[in-house]
Protein backbone atom coordinates (compact mmCIF):
# COMPACT_ATOMS: atom_id res chain seq x y z
CA MET A 1 68.84 -176.90 63.37
CA SER A 2 67.17 -180.06 60.99
CA ASP A 3 64.08 -182.25 61.68
CA ILE A 4 64.46 -186.23 61.94
CA ALA A 5 61.52 -187.77 59.38
CA LYS A 6 60.31 -191.89 59.65
CA ILE A 7 60.48 -193.57 56.60
CA VAL A 8 57.53 -195.55 56.03
CA ARG A 9 57.53 -198.17 53.17
CA SER A 10 54.16 -199.90 51.85
CA ASP A 11 53.86 -201.84 48.85
CA GLY A 12 57.56 -200.83 47.14
CA VAL A 13 56.36 -197.17 48.13
CA GLN A 14 58.71 -194.77 50.24
CA ALA A 15 56.99 -192.21 52.33
CA VAL A 16 58.14 -189.59 54.61
CA GLN A 17 56.13 -188.72 57.74
CA LEU A 18 56.63 -184.60 58.11
CA PRO A 19 56.39 -182.69 61.44
CA PRO A 20 53.59 -180.69 61.64
CA GLU A 21 55.31 -177.26 60.93
CA LEU A 22 56.96 -178.88 57.29
CA ARG A 23 53.93 -180.05 56.01
CA PHE A 24 52.26 -178.65 52.62
CA ASP A 25 49.24 -177.22 51.51
CA GLY A 26 47.56 -179.25 48.77
CA ASP A 27 48.31 -182.93 47.82
CA THR A 28 51.11 -182.43 45.42
CA VAL A 29 54.77 -181.09 45.80
CA GLN A 30 57.27 -180.91 42.91
CA ILE A 31 60.35 -183.46 43.48
CA ARG A 32 64.01 -183.17 42.62
CA ARG A 33 67.68 -184.24 43.57
CA ASP A 34 70.17 -182.27 44.08
CA GLY A 35 73.86 -183.99 44.81
CA GLU A 36 72.53 -186.68 47.69
CA ALA A 37 69.55 -184.26 48.83
CA VAL A 38 66.10 -184.83 47.88
CA ILE A 39 64.13 -181.34 47.96
CA LEU A 40 60.62 -180.86 48.00
CA GLU A 41 58.89 -177.65 46.67
CA PRO A 42 55.37 -176.86 47.10
CA ILE A 43 53.48 -176.36 43.47
CA THR A 44 52.42 -172.66 43.43
CA ASP A 45 51.84 -171.54 40.42
CA GLU A 46 50.08 -173.05 37.09
CA ARG A 47 53.88 -172.99 35.15
CA VAL A 48 55.51 -175.43 37.95
CA ARG A 49 51.84 -177.35 37.90
CA LEU A 50 52.20 -177.99 33.97
CA GLN A 51 56.07 -178.61 33.49
CA SER A 52 55.93 -181.52 35.92
CA ARG A 53 53.36 -182.99 34.37
CA VAL A 54 54.91 -182.65 30.55
CA HIS A 55 58.10 -184.26 29.14
CA PRO A 56 61.51 -183.10 31.02
CA PHE A 57 62.73 -180.33 28.94
CA ASP A 58 66.81 -179.27 28.99
CA ALA A 59 67.74 -177.05 31.55
CA GLY A 60 68.35 -174.22 28.59
CA VAL A 61 64.81 -174.63 27.97
CA VAL A 62 63.41 -174.50 31.65
CA ALA A 63 65.82 -171.15 31.99
CA ALA A 64 64.06 -169.88 29.06
CA MET A 65 60.48 -170.58 29.94
CA ASP A 66 60.84 -169.20 33.56
CA ALA A 67 62.36 -165.93 31.95
CA GLU A 68 59.43 -165.84 29.71
CA TRP A 69 56.94 -167.14 32.13
CA SER A 70 56.97 -163.91 33.91
CA SER A 71 55.30 -161.76 31.48
CA PHE A 72 52.14 -164.02 31.36
CA PRO A 73 49.45 -163.67 33.35
CA ARG A 74 47.98 -165.69 36.11
CA LEU A 75 45.81 -168.88 34.24
CA PRO A 76 42.06 -169.32 36.29
CA ASP A 77 42.09 -172.30 38.43
CA ASP A 78 39.69 -174.24 36.15
CA LEU A 79 41.45 -173.23 32.94
CA ALA A 80 45.15 -174.29 34.48
CA ASP A 81 42.75 -178.03 35.33
CA GLU A 82 41.27 -178.55 31.72
CA ILE A 83 45.02 -177.55 30.45
CA LEU A 84 46.53 -180.57 32.86
CA ALA A 85 43.39 -183.03 32.30
CA ALA A 86 44.15 -182.24 27.99
CA VAL A 87 47.74 -183.17 29.18
CA GLU A 88 47.45 -186.10 30.79
CA GLU A 89 44.71 -188.01 28.70
CA GLU A 90 45.22 -191.03 26.74
CA THR A 91 44.59 -190.69 23.23
CA PRO A 92 43.42 -194.07 21.53
CA GLN A 93 45.61 -195.50 19.20
CA GLN A 94 44.26 -195.14 15.59
CA GLU A 95 43.42 -197.75 13.33
CA ARG A 96 45.20 -197.25 9.72
CA PRO A 97 45.70 -200.15 8.08
CA GLU A 98 47.02 -198.52 4.90
CA LEU A 99 49.74 -197.20 6.16
CA ASP A 100 50.70 -200.55 8.35
CA ALA A 101 50.55 -202.15 4.95
CA LEU A 102 52.99 -199.38 3.53
CA PHE A 103 55.80 -200.14 6.43
CA LYS A 104 55.53 -203.96 6.98
């Protein structure tokens, strides 16, 4: 049997009010579409957290990553957070007047 949840709209954003028994720990979930279904999954390891924040890979690359990552030890949370911060960091545009002149 499936539950029914209310969709809430605010400022162009949709949210789903999950019943208490279906709520997640934490504040982030991985989301994907499978046909008409939208699937929410808890983020339980660093690989998924990192993968969700970088450019999506081809399905074959993801399968290869899954096979390889299983042999790596779990990262400490503070290191995983440091890596995620570096991935999300905005790098300022470099000033290169000589190259700008070359490519005009």
